């Protein structure tokens, strides 16, 4: 049986992306938990401390996978209102 992958639709500004990349953050594709620091930019399949899934990826890897969309400050602010 194939594992279903949920797309989180991660959106962030260019500044947020750069800050997360420089901080070596990772994001779990299973639960969306943001891991602050300690993840190489190309990290793949690290264990999530929140849900236990091996679905934590580095920020730059997520960008290459098409999981992150860079949006303008205006678009980002509009999405926060909903």
Protein backbone atom coordinates (compact mmCIF):
# COMPACT_ATOMS: atom_id res chain seq x y z
CA UNK A 1 0.00 0.00 0.00
CA UNK A 2 1.44 3.39 -1.01
CA UNK A 3 1.87 6.07 1.61
CA UNK A 4 -0.25 9.15 0.97
CA UNK A 5 1.69 12.39 1.17
CA UNK A 6 -0.08 15.50 2.35
CA UNK A 7 1.08 18.77 0.84
CA UNK A 8 1.33 21.40 3.57
CA UNK A 9 1.32 24.37 1.17
CA UNK A 10 4.09 26.17 3.04
CA UNK A 11 4.21 29.87 2.21
CA UNK A 12 6.76 32.35 3.48
CA UNK A 13 8.37 35.60 2.50
CA UNK A 14 11.87 35.68 1.04
CA UNK A 15 13.19 37.16 4.31
CA UNK A 16 11.58 34.39 6.37
CA UNK A 17 12.99 31.76 4.00
CA UNK A 18 16.50 33.24 4.28
CA UNK A 19 16.27 33.47 8.08
CA UNK A 20 15.07 29.86 8.40
CA UNK A 21 17.79 28.69 6.01
CA UNK A 22 20.53 30.53 7.91
CA UNK A 23 19.19 29.12 11.21
CA UNK A 24 19.26 25.54 9.84
CA UNK A 25 15.57 25.03 10.55
CA UNK A 26 13.63 22.00 9.36
CA UNK A 27 9.91 21.33 8.89
CA UNK A 28 8.02 18.07 9.35
CA UNK A 29 5.87 17.21 6.35
CA UNK A 30 3.72 14.90 8.47
CA UNK A 31 2.58 17.38 11.14
CA UNK A 32 3.95 20.79 10.09
CA UNK A 33 6.10 21.21 13.21
CA UNK A 34 8.96 23.68 12.69
CA UNK A 35 12.26 22.45 14.11
CA UNK A 36 14.40 25.39 15.12
CA UNK A 37 18.03 24.84 14.14
CA UNK A 38 20.17 21.74 13.86
CA UNK A 39 19.08 20.58 10.39
CA UNK A 40 21.33 20.71 7.36
CA UNK A 41 19.76 22.55 4.40
CA UNK A 42 19.58 19.25 2.49
CA UNK A 43 18.25 17.16 5.42
CA UNK A 44 15.81 14.41 4.44
CA UNK A 45 13.72 12.09 6.53
CA UNK A 46 14.87 13.15 9.99
CA UNK A 47 12.71 12.08 12.94
CA UNK A 48 10.18 14.64 14.15
CA UNK A 49 10.35 15.35 17.87
CA UNK A 50 6.66 16.29 17.78
CA UNK A 51 4.99 13.35 15.97
CA UNK A 52 7.79 10.79 15.60
CA UNK A 53 7.50 10.53 11.80
CA UNK A 54 10.70 10.46 9.74
CA UNK A 55 9.47 13.38 7.65
CA UNK A 56 11.61 16.38 8.71
CA UNK A 57 13.36 18.12 5.82
CA UNK A 58 15.76 21.06 5.68
CA UNK A 59 14.43 24.36 4.38
CA UNK A 60 16.45 24.33 1.15
CA UNK A 61 15.49 20.71 0.44
CA UNK A 62 11.83 21.65 0.88
CA UNK A 63 12.26 24.47 -1.62
CA UNK A 64 13.81 22.09 -4.18
CA UNK A 65 10.94 19.65 -3.59
CA UNK A 66 8.40 22.39 -4.38
CA UNK A 67 7.01 22.35 -0.83
CA UNK A 68 7.72 26.06 -0.14
CA UNK A 69 6.23 28.96 -2.03
CA UNK A 70 7.84 32.38 -1.70
CA UNK A 71 5.19 35.10 -1.48
CA UNK A 72 5.35 38.88 -1.22
CA UNK A 73 4.86 40.65 2.11
CA UNK A 74 1.41 41.79 0.90
CA UNK A 75 0.29 38.25 0.00
CA UNK A 76 1.64 36.93 3.31
CA UNK A 77 -0.22 39.59 5.31
CA UNK A 78 -3.50 38.90 3.46
CA UNK A 79 -3.30 35.17 4.23
CA UNK A 80 -2.81 35.87 7.95
CA UNK A 81 -6.16 37.68 8.06
CA UNK A 82 -8.22 34.59 7.16
